[in-house]
N, C-alpha and C. Protein backbone atom coordinates (compact mmCIF):
# COMPACT_ATOMS: atom_id res chain seq x y z
N MET A 1 11.45 -12.89 -8.58
CA MET A 1 10.88 -11.64 -9.02
C MET A 1 11.08 -11.54 -10.53
N LYS A 2 10.06 -11.05 -11.19
CA LYS A 2 10.13 -10.92 -12.64
C LYS A 2 11.13 -9.83 -13.02
N LYS A 3 12.00 -10.14 -13.99
CA LYS A 3 12.98 -9.15 -14.44
C LYS A 3 12.35 -8.20 -15.45
N HIS A 4 11.43 -8.70 -16.25
CA HIS A 4 10.71 -7.85 -17.20
C HIS A 4 9.24 -8.27 -17.21
N LEU A 5 8.41 -7.38 -17.68
CA LEU A 5 6.98 -7.65 -17.68
C LEU A 5 6.50 -7.90 -19.10
N ASP A 6 5.70 -8.94 -19.28
CA ASP A 6 5.09 -9.20 -20.59
C ASP A 6 3.76 -8.46 -20.65
N ALA A 7 3.06 -8.60 -21.77
CA ALA A 7 1.81 -7.86 -21.97
C ALA A 7 0.76 -8.22 -20.92
N ARG A 8 0.66 -9.49 -20.57
CA ARG A 8 -0.31 -9.91 -19.55
C ARG A 8 0.03 -9.28 -18.21
N SER A 9 1.28 -9.27 -17.86
CA SER A 9 1.69 -8.69 -16.58
C SER A 9 1.44 -7.18 -16.53
N ILE A 10 1.75 -6.50 -17.62
CA ILE A 10 1.53 -5.05 -17.68
C ILE A 10 0.04 -4.74 -17.56
N THR A 11 -0.78 -5.52 -18.25
CA THR A 11 -2.23 -5.31 -18.19
C THR A 11 -2.76 -5.56 -16.78
N THR A 12 -2.31 -6.64 -16.16
CA THR A 12 -2.74 -6.96 -14.80
C THR A 12 -2.30 -5.87 -13.84
N MET A 13 -1.06 -5.43 -13.98
CA MET A 13 -0.56 -4.37 -13.11
C MET A 13 -1.35 -3.08 -13.32
N ALA A 14 -1.69 -2.76 -14.57
CA ALA A 14 -2.46 -1.54 -14.85
C ALA A 14 -3.83 -1.60 -14.19
N LEU A 15 -4.48 -2.76 -14.23
CA LEU A 15 -5.78 -2.90 -13.58
C LEU A 15 -5.66 -2.74 -12.06
N LEU A 16 -4.63 -3.32 -11.49
CA LEU A 16 -4.42 -3.18 -10.04
C LEU A 16 -4.09 -1.74 -9.66
N ILE A 17 -3.32 -1.05 -10.50
CA ILE A 17 -3.02 0.36 -10.26
C ILE A 17 -4.31 1.18 -10.31
N ALA A 18 -5.17 0.90 -11.29
CA ALA A 18 -6.44 1.61 -11.39
C ALA A 18 -7.29 1.36 -10.14
N MET A 19 -7.27 0.13 -9.64
CA MET A 19 -8.01 -0.17 -8.41
C MET A 19 -7.42 0.59 -7.22
N MET A 20 -6.09 0.68 -7.16
CA MET A 20 -5.44 1.41 -6.07
C MET A 20 -5.83 2.88 -6.10
N VAL A 21 -5.81 3.49 -7.28
CA VAL A 21 -6.18 4.90 -7.41
C VAL A 21 -7.64 5.09 -6.99
N THR A 22 -8.51 4.23 -7.45
CA THR A 22 -9.93 4.34 -7.12
C THR A 22 -10.17 4.18 -5.63
N LEU A 23 -9.59 3.14 -5.03
CA LEU A 23 -9.80 2.90 -3.60
C LEU A 23 -9.16 3.98 -2.74
N SER A 24 -8.06 4.53 -3.18
CA SER A 24 -7.35 5.53 -2.39
C SER A 24 -7.94 6.93 -2.57
N ARG A 25 -8.09 7.35 -3.81
CA ARG A 25 -8.46 8.75 -4.08
C ARG A 25 -9.95 9.00 -4.12
N LEU A 26 -10.72 8.05 -4.61
CA LEU A 26 -12.16 8.28 -4.76
C LEU A 26 -12.97 7.71 -3.61
N LEU A 27 -12.58 6.54 -3.11
CA LEU A 27 -13.35 5.88 -2.06
C LEU A 27 -12.70 5.99 -0.68
N GLY A 28 -11.49 6.53 -0.62
CA GLY A 28 -10.80 6.68 0.65
C GLY A 28 -11.27 7.92 1.39
N ILE A 29 -11.04 7.93 2.67
CA ILE A 29 -11.34 9.09 3.51
C ILE A 29 -10.02 9.78 3.80
N GLU A 30 -9.96 11.06 3.49
CA GLU A 30 -8.69 11.77 3.63
C GLU A 30 -8.92 13.15 4.23
N THR A 31 -8.13 13.45 5.26
CA THR A 31 -8.08 14.79 5.82
C THR A 31 -6.65 15.29 5.66
N GLN A 32 -6.40 16.47 6.15
CA GLN A 32 -5.07 17.03 6.02
C GLN A 32 -4.01 16.17 6.71
N PHE A 33 -4.36 15.53 7.81
CA PHE A 33 -3.37 14.78 8.59
C PHE A 33 -3.64 13.29 8.69
N LEU A 34 -4.67 12.78 8.01
CA LEU A 34 -5.00 11.37 8.15
C LEU A 34 -5.67 10.85 6.88
N LYS A 35 -5.37 9.60 6.53
CA LYS A 35 -5.97 8.98 5.35
C LYS A 35 -6.32 7.53 5.69
N VAL A 36 -7.54 7.13 5.32
CA VAL A 36 -7.99 5.76 5.52
C VAL A 36 -8.53 5.26 4.18
N SER A 37 -7.97 4.17 3.69
CA SER A 37 -8.46 3.60 2.43
C SER A 37 -8.16 2.10 2.40
N PHE A 38 -8.78 1.45 1.43
CA PHE A 38 -8.57 0.02 1.24
C PHE A 38 -7.66 -0.25 0.04
N ALA A 39 -6.81 0.71 -0.30
CA ALA A 39 -5.89 0.55 -1.44
C ALA A 39 -4.86 -0.54 -1.19
N PHE A 40 -4.71 -0.97 0.05
CA PHE A 40 -3.75 -2.03 0.35
C PHE A 40 -4.18 -3.37 -0.27
N ILE A 41 -5.47 -3.54 -0.57
CA ILE A 41 -5.95 -4.82 -1.10
C ILE A 41 -5.36 -5.10 -2.49
N PRO A 42 -5.52 -4.21 -3.48
CA PRO A 42 -4.87 -4.48 -4.76
C PRO A 42 -3.34 -4.47 -4.66
N GLU A 43 -2.83 -3.73 -3.69
CA GLU A 43 -1.37 -3.69 -3.50
C GLU A 43 -0.85 -5.04 -3.00
N ILE A 44 -1.61 -5.71 -2.15
CA ILE A 44 -1.24 -7.06 -1.70
C ILE A 44 -1.27 -8.03 -2.88
N ILE A 45 -2.30 -7.93 -3.71
CA ILE A 45 -2.39 -8.80 -4.89
C ILE A 45 -1.20 -8.55 -5.81
N MET A 46 -0.85 -7.29 -6.00
CA MET A 46 0.31 -6.95 -6.82
C MET A 46 1.58 -7.53 -6.20
N GLY A 47 1.70 -7.45 -4.88
CA GLY A 47 2.85 -8.01 -4.20
C GLY A 47 2.95 -9.51 -4.37
N MET A 48 1.82 -10.19 -4.36
CA MET A 48 1.80 -11.64 -4.56
C MET A 48 2.29 -12.02 -5.95
N LEU A 49 1.93 -11.22 -6.93
CA LEU A 49 2.21 -11.55 -8.33
C LEU A 49 3.55 -11.03 -8.84
N PHE A 50 4.00 -9.87 -8.36
CA PHE A 50 5.13 -9.20 -8.99
C PHE A 50 6.36 -9.00 -8.11
N GLY A 51 6.27 -9.18 -6.82
CA GLY A 51 7.42 -9.03 -5.95
C GLY A 51 7.63 -7.60 -5.49
N PRO A 52 8.64 -7.39 -4.66
CA PRO A 52 8.84 -6.09 -4.02
C PRO A 52 9.13 -4.94 -4.98
N LEU A 53 10.03 -5.14 -5.94
CA LEU A 53 10.42 -4.04 -6.82
C LEU A 53 9.25 -3.57 -7.68
N TRP A 54 8.61 -4.49 -8.40
CA TRP A 54 7.53 -4.10 -9.31
C TRP A 54 6.30 -3.61 -8.55
N THR A 55 6.06 -4.13 -7.35
CA THR A 55 4.94 -3.63 -6.55
C THR A 55 5.22 -2.22 -6.08
N GLY A 56 6.46 -1.97 -5.69
CA GLY A 56 6.85 -0.60 -5.32
C GLY A 56 6.70 0.35 -6.49
N VAL A 57 7.14 -0.08 -7.68
CA VAL A 57 7.01 0.75 -8.88
C VAL A 57 5.53 0.99 -9.19
N GLY A 58 4.72 -0.05 -9.11
CA GLY A 58 3.29 0.09 -9.36
C GLY A 58 2.63 1.05 -8.38
N ALA A 59 3.03 1.00 -7.11
CA ALA A 59 2.48 1.91 -6.10
C ALA A 59 2.88 3.35 -6.39
N VAL A 60 4.11 3.55 -6.86
CA VAL A 60 4.55 4.90 -7.24
C VAL A 60 3.74 5.42 -8.42
N ILE A 61 3.52 4.56 -9.42
CA ILE A 61 2.70 4.96 -10.57
C ILE A 61 1.29 5.32 -10.11
N ALA A 62 0.71 4.51 -9.22
CA ALA A 62 -0.63 4.81 -8.69
C ALA A 62 -0.63 6.14 -7.95
N ASP A 63 0.43 6.42 -7.21
CA ASP A 63 0.53 7.69 -6.49
C ASP A 63 0.57 8.86 -7.47
N PHE A 64 1.39 8.75 -8.51
CA PHE A 64 1.49 9.83 -9.50
C PHE A 64 0.17 10.04 -10.23
N ILE A 65 -0.48 8.96 -10.63
CA ILE A 65 -1.77 9.08 -11.33
C ILE A 65 -2.81 9.69 -10.39
N GLY A 66 -2.86 9.20 -9.16
CA GLY A 66 -3.81 9.74 -8.20
C GLY A 66 -3.59 11.22 -7.93
N MET A 67 -2.34 11.62 -7.80
CA MET A 67 -2.04 13.04 -7.58
C MET A 67 -2.36 13.87 -8.81
N SER A 68 -2.12 13.32 -9.98
CA SER A 68 -2.39 14.07 -11.21
C SER A 68 -3.88 14.27 -11.44
N LEU A 69 -4.67 13.25 -11.16
CA LEU A 69 -6.10 13.32 -11.47
C LEU A 69 -6.96 13.80 -10.30
N PHE A 70 -6.59 13.44 -9.08
CA PHE A 70 -7.45 13.71 -7.93
C PHE A 70 -6.66 14.26 -6.75
N ALA A 71 -5.89 15.30 -6.97
CA ALA A 71 -5.06 15.86 -5.90
C ALA A 71 -5.95 16.47 -4.82
N LYS A 72 -5.67 16.09 -3.57
CA LYS A 72 -6.39 16.65 -2.44
C LYS A 72 -5.46 17.50 -1.57
N ALA A 73 -4.19 17.46 -1.90
CA ALA A 73 -3.18 18.23 -1.17
C ALA A 73 -2.02 18.48 -2.14
N PRO A 74 -1.10 19.35 -1.79
CA PRO A 74 0.05 19.56 -2.67
C PRO A 74 0.90 18.30 -2.78
N PHE A 75 1.55 18.14 -3.92
CA PHE A 75 2.44 16.99 -4.11
C PHE A 75 3.63 17.12 -3.17
N PHE A 76 3.99 16.00 -2.56
CA PHE A 76 5.16 15.95 -1.68
C PHE A 76 5.85 14.62 -1.92
N ILE A 77 7.11 14.64 -2.26
CA ILE A 77 7.85 13.44 -2.66
C ILE A 77 7.91 12.40 -1.54
N GLY A 78 7.81 12.82 -0.30
CA GLY A 78 7.85 11.89 0.82
C GLY A 78 6.74 10.85 0.75
N PHE A 79 5.55 11.26 0.31
CA PHE A 79 4.44 10.32 0.22
C PHE A 79 4.64 9.35 -0.94
N THR A 80 5.36 9.77 -1.96
CA THR A 80 5.70 8.86 -3.05
C THR A 80 6.71 7.82 -2.55
N ILE A 81 7.64 8.24 -1.72
CA ILE A 81 8.57 7.29 -1.09
C ILE A 81 7.79 6.30 -0.24
N ASN A 82 6.80 6.80 0.51
CA ASN A 82 5.94 5.91 1.30
C ASN A 82 5.26 4.88 0.42
N ALA A 83 4.75 5.33 -0.73
CA ALA A 83 4.05 4.42 -1.65
C ALA A 83 4.99 3.31 -2.10
N PHE A 84 6.21 3.66 -2.49
CA PHE A 84 7.17 2.65 -2.93
C PHE A 84 7.47 1.66 -1.80
N LEU A 85 7.74 2.19 -0.62
CA LEU A 85 8.09 1.32 0.51
C LEU A 85 6.94 0.39 0.89
N GLU A 86 5.72 0.91 0.88
CA GLU A 86 4.58 0.05 1.22
C GLU A 86 4.42 -1.06 0.19
N GLY A 87 4.57 -0.73 -1.10
CA GLY A 87 4.51 -1.76 -2.14
C GLY A 87 5.62 -2.79 -1.97
N ALA A 88 6.81 -2.31 -1.66
CA ALA A 88 7.94 -3.22 -1.46
C ALA A 88 7.72 -4.13 -0.24
N ILE A 89 7.11 -3.58 0.80
CA ILE A 89 6.82 -4.39 1.99
C ILE A 89 5.85 -5.52 1.64
N TYR A 90 4.77 -5.18 0.94
CA TYR A 90 3.80 -6.22 0.57
C TYR A 90 4.42 -7.23 -0.39
N GLY A 91 5.25 -6.77 -1.31
CA GLY A 91 5.93 -7.69 -2.21
C GLY A 91 6.86 -8.62 -1.46
N TYR A 92 7.56 -8.09 -0.46
CA TYR A 92 8.48 -8.91 0.33
C TYR A 92 7.73 -9.99 1.11
N PHE A 93 6.63 -9.62 1.74
CA PHE A 93 5.91 -10.56 2.59
C PHE A 93 5.05 -11.55 1.83
N PHE A 94 4.60 -11.20 0.60
CA PHE A 94 3.61 -12.06 -0.06
C PHE A 94 4.03 -12.62 -1.41
N TYR A 95 5.17 -12.23 -1.95
CA TYR A 95 5.54 -12.72 -3.28
C TYR A 95 5.77 -14.22 -3.26
N LYS A 96 4.95 -14.94 -4.00
CA LYS A 96 5.00 -16.40 -4.12
C LYS A 96 4.92 -17.09 -2.76
N LYS A 97 4.21 -16.48 -1.82
CA LYS A 97 4.07 -17.05 -0.48
C LYS A 97 2.59 -17.16 -0.13
N GLU A 98 2.29 -18.12 0.69
CA GLU A 98 0.94 -18.25 1.21
C GLU A 98 0.70 -17.15 2.24
N ILE A 99 -0.50 -16.60 2.24
CA ILE A 99 -0.83 -15.58 3.22
C ILE A 99 -1.28 -16.28 4.50
N THR A 100 -0.49 -16.11 5.55
CA THR A 100 -0.78 -16.72 6.86
C THR A 100 -1.04 -15.61 7.87
N TRP A 101 -1.50 -16.03 9.06
CA TRP A 101 -1.68 -15.02 10.11
C TRP A 101 -0.35 -14.34 10.42
N LYS A 102 0.73 -15.13 10.43
CA LYS A 102 2.03 -14.58 10.79
C LYS A 102 2.47 -13.50 9.81
N ASN A 103 2.47 -13.79 8.49
CA ASN A 103 2.94 -12.75 7.57
C ASN A 103 1.91 -11.64 7.38
N SER A 104 0.63 -11.91 7.67
CA SER A 104 -0.37 -10.83 7.65
C SER A 104 -0.08 -9.83 8.76
N ILE A 105 0.13 -10.35 9.96
CA ILE A 105 0.42 -9.48 11.11
C ILE A 105 1.75 -8.75 10.90
N GLN A 106 2.77 -9.47 10.45
CA GLN A 106 4.08 -8.85 10.25
C GLN A 106 4.03 -7.74 9.20
N SER A 107 3.37 -7.99 8.07
CA SER A 107 3.32 -6.98 7.02
C SER A 107 2.58 -5.73 7.49
N VAL A 108 1.48 -5.92 8.19
CA VAL A 108 0.71 -4.77 8.68
C VAL A 108 1.51 -4.01 9.74
N LEU A 109 2.18 -4.71 10.63
CA LEU A 109 2.97 -4.02 11.66
C LEU A 109 4.15 -3.27 11.06
N VAL A 110 4.88 -3.89 10.15
CA VAL A 110 6.02 -3.21 9.52
C VAL A 110 5.54 -1.98 8.76
N SER A 111 4.48 -2.13 7.98
CA SER A 111 3.94 -1.01 7.22
C SER A 111 3.45 0.10 8.15
N THR A 112 2.72 -0.27 9.19
CA THR A 112 2.17 0.72 10.12
C THR A 112 3.28 1.47 10.85
N ILE A 113 4.24 0.72 11.38
CA ILE A 113 5.30 1.37 12.16
C ILE A 113 6.18 2.24 11.26
N LEU A 114 6.67 1.69 10.15
CA LEU A 114 7.59 2.43 9.30
C LEU A 114 6.91 3.61 8.60
N ILE A 115 5.76 3.35 8.01
CA ILE A 115 5.14 4.38 7.16
C ILE A 115 4.21 5.28 7.97
N ASN A 116 3.25 4.69 8.68
CA ASN A 116 2.23 5.50 9.36
C ASN A 116 2.70 6.17 10.64
N LEU A 117 3.67 5.56 11.33
CA LEU A 117 4.09 6.12 12.62
C LEU A 117 5.47 6.76 12.60
N ILE A 118 6.26 6.54 11.54
CA ILE A 118 7.58 7.18 11.48
C ILE A 118 7.64 8.18 10.32
N LEU A 119 7.49 7.69 9.10
CA LEU A 119 7.69 8.55 7.94
C LEU A 119 6.58 9.58 7.72
N THR A 120 5.33 9.15 7.76
CA THR A 120 4.23 10.08 7.49
C THR A 120 4.20 11.25 8.48
N PRO A 121 4.34 11.03 9.79
CA PRO A 121 4.41 12.20 10.68
C PRO A 121 5.58 13.13 10.36
N LEU A 122 6.69 12.55 9.97
CA LEU A 122 7.84 13.37 9.58
C LEU A 122 7.51 14.21 8.36
N TRP A 123 6.89 13.59 7.33
CA TRP A 123 6.53 14.34 6.11
C TRP A 123 5.51 15.42 6.43
N LEU A 124 4.51 15.10 7.26
CA LEU A 124 3.48 16.09 7.60
C LEU A 124 4.07 17.27 8.35
N ALA A 125 4.98 16.98 9.28
CA ALA A 125 5.64 18.06 10.02
C ALA A 125 6.44 18.96 9.08
N MET A 126 7.14 18.35 8.13
CA MET A 126 7.92 19.13 7.16
C MET A 126 7.01 19.92 6.23
N MET A 127 5.96 19.28 5.76
CA MET A 127 5.09 19.87 4.76
C MET A 127 4.24 21.02 5.32
N TYR A 128 3.70 20.86 6.49
CA TYR A 128 2.80 21.85 7.06
C TYR A 128 3.43 22.70 8.17
N HIS A 129 4.73 22.53 8.40
CA HIS A 129 5.46 23.31 9.41
C HIS A 129 4.79 23.21 10.79
N VAL A 130 4.46 21.96 11.13
CA VAL A 130 3.87 21.67 12.43
C VAL A 130 4.94 20.93 13.23
N PRO A 131 5.07 21.22 14.52
CA PRO A 131 6.06 20.48 15.32
C PRO A 131 5.78 18.98 15.29
N LEU A 132 6.84 18.20 15.24
CA LEU A 132 6.69 16.74 15.15
C LEU A 132 5.99 16.15 16.37
N ASN A 133 6.05 16.83 17.49
CA ASN A 133 5.39 16.32 18.70
C ASN A 133 3.98 16.89 18.87
N SER A 134 3.41 17.47 17.85
CA SER A 134 2.10 18.10 17.93
C SER A 134 0.98 17.05 18.03
N TRP A 135 0.00 17.30 18.86
CA TRP A 135 -1.15 16.41 18.98
C TRP A 135 -1.95 16.37 17.70
N VAL A 136 -1.86 17.41 16.88
CA VAL A 136 -2.59 17.46 15.60
C VAL A 136 -2.16 16.31 14.69
N ILE A 137 -0.89 15.97 14.75
CA ILE A 137 -0.37 14.84 13.96
C ILE A 137 -0.65 13.52 14.65
N TRP A 138 -0.42 13.46 15.95
CA TRP A 138 -0.40 12.17 16.64
C TRP A 138 -1.75 11.66 17.12
N ALA A 139 -2.65 12.50 17.56
CA ALA A 139 -3.93 12.03 18.12
C ALA A 139 -4.72 11.20 17.09
N PRO A 140 -5.03 11.74 15.91
CA PRO A 140 -5.79 10.92 14.95
C PRO A 140 -5.00 9.70 14.46
N ARG A 141 -3.69 9.84 14.34
CA ARG A 141 -2.85 8.75 13.84
C ARG A 141 -2.83 7.57 14.81
N LEU A 142 -2.74 7.85 16.10
CA LEU A 142 -2.70 6.77 17.08
C LEU A 142 -4.06 6.10 17.22
N ILE A 143 -5.13 6.87 17.15
CA ILE A 143 -6.48 6.29 17.19
C ILE A 143 -6.68 5.39 15.97
N LYS A 144 -6.31 5.90 14.79
CA LYS A 144 -6.43 5.10 13.57
C LYS A 144 -5.62 3.82 13.68
N THR A 145 -4.41 3.89 14.20
CA THR A 145 -3.54 2.72 14.31
C THR A 145 -4.17 1.64 15.18
N VAL A 146 -4.70 2.03 16.32
CA VAL A 146 -5.31 1.06 17.23
C VAL A 146 -6.51 0.38 16.58
N ILE A 147 -7.30 1.13 15.85
CA ILE A 147 -8.49 0.56 15.21
C ILE A 147 -8.13 -0.20 13.94
N TRP A 148 -7.19 0.34 13.15
CA TRP A 148 -6.94 -0.15 11.80
C TRP A 148 -6.07 -1.40 11.76
N ILE A 149 -5.14 -1.59 12.67
CA ILE A 149 -4.26 -2.77 12.63
C ILE A 149 -5.06 -4.08 12.64
N PRO A 150 -6.00 -4.28 13.56
CA PRO A 150 -6.74 -5.55 13.50
C PRO A 150 -7.62 -5.68 12.25
N ILE A 151 -8.19 -4.58 11.79
CA ILE A 151 -9.03 -4.63 10.58
C ILE A 151 -8.18 -5.00 9.37
N GLN A 152 -7.07 -4.31 9.20
CA GLN A 152 -6.21 -4.58 8.04
C GLN A 152 -5.61 -5.98 8.10
N THR A 153 -5.23 -6.42 9.27
CA THR A 153 -4.67 -7.77 9.42
C THR A 153 -5.71 -8.83 9.06
N ALA A 154 -6.93 -8.66 9.55
CA ALA A 154 -8.00 -9.63 9.26
C ALA A 154 -8.33 -9.66 7.77
N ILE A 155 -8.41 -8.49 7.15
CA ILE A 155 -8.70 -8.44 5.71
C ILE A 155 -7.58 -9.09 4.92
N THR A 156 -6.34 -8.83 5.31
CA THR A 156 -5.19 -9.42 4.62
C THR A 156 -5.23 -10.93 4.73
N TYR A 157 -5.47 -11.45 5.92
CA TYR A 157 -5.54 -12.90 6.10
C TYR A 157 -6.71 -13.50 5.32
N PHE A 158 -7.85 -12.82 5.35
CA PHE A 158 -9.02 -13.27 4.61
C PHE A 158 -8.72 -13.37 3.12
N LEU A 159 -7.98 -12.41 2.58
CA LEU A 159 -7.59 -12.45 1.16
C LEU A 159 -6.83 -13.73 0.85
N GLY A 160 -5.98 -14.15 1.77
CA GLY A 160 -5.22 -15.37 1.55
C GLY A 160 -6.09 -16.61 1.41
N GLY A 161 -7.25 -16.57 2.04
CA GLY A 161 -8.14 -17.71 1.96
C GLY A 161 -9.05 -17.71 0.75
N VAL A 162 -9.32 -16.55 0.20
CA VAL A 162 -10.29 -16.48 -0.90
C VAL A 162 -9.66 -16.29 -2.28
N LEU A 163 -8.44 -15.78 -2.32
CA LEU A 163 -7.81 -15.54 -3.62
C LEU A 163 -7.12 -16.80 -4.13
N PRO A 164 -7.31 -17.13 -5.39
CA PRO A 164 -6.62 -18.30 -5.96
C PRO A 164 -5.18 -17.97 -6.36
N TYR A 165 -4.39 -17.55 -5.39
CA TYR A 165 -3.05 -17.05 -5.70
C TYR A 165 -2.14 -18.12 -6.29
N LYS A 166 -2.31 -19.38 -5.92
CA LYS A 166 -1.46 -20.43 -6.48
C LYS A 166 -1.69 -20.58 -7.98
N GLN A 167 -2.95 -20.49 -8.40
CA GLN A 167 -3.25 -20.56 -9.84
C GLN A 167 -2.73 -19.31 -10.55
N TRP A 168 -2.86 -18.15 -9.92
CA TRP A 168 -2.36 -16.92 -10.54
C TRP A 168 -0.85 -16.99 -10.73
N ILE A 169 -0.15 -17.44 -9.69
CA ILE A 169 1.32 -17.52 -9.77
C ILE A 169 1.73 -18.52 -10.85
N ALA A 170 1.04 -19.66 -10.91
CA ALA A 170 1.36 -20.66 -11.94
C ALA A 170 1.12 -20.07 -13.33
N ARG A 171 0.05 -19.34 -13.51
CA ARG A 171 -0.28 -18.73 -14.80
C ARG A 171 0.77 -17.67 -15.17
N PHE A 172 1.19 -16.88 -14.20
CA PHE A 172 2.18 -15.84 -14.50
C PHE A 172 3.57 -16.44 -14.78
N ASN A 173 3.88 -17.54 -14.13
CA ASN A 173 5.19 -18.17 -14.37
C ASN A 173 5.25 -18.87 -15.72
N ARG A 174 4.10 -19.32 -16.25
CA ARG A 174 4.07 -19.94 -17.58
C ARG A 174 4.31 -18.93 -18.67
N ALA A 175 3.82 -17.73 -18.45
CA ALA A 175 3.88 -16.71 -19.51
C ALA A 175 5.28 -16.23 -19.78
């Protein structure tokens, strides 16, 4: 993992953060209790290049920028914690590693279980004063999970086949 970022790394991270904000806040579908977006794609690329810590930091920055410019709900620190953890998960599974079916499935399952099925319902219950066992929280979330896990896993694996990550890593390690 990089201990410090040079100008090239900062610029690359800034572009990926901008992509995350765009995919999440402008092109994502968001309701009060559910969010669907493709922001995980630049986050995976960030994880491949920068590792768990810097990807988590980048995800937090994207969350703050997205909330500052395109707030769709009140700010809640729990979702910022989610952003850091999701970035750290992708950094852990993909930093300097080949994207395989195994780590694609594992990263999506860990992210889905920890963030989408444990933490987010907890934050929503706290934020909107809805009982944690309410169908309002769980019905759309479980439907999304069943549909989204195979889609996200396939996209993640596909990225491993099309992205020249070995050349990117070599270029970043030279700098």
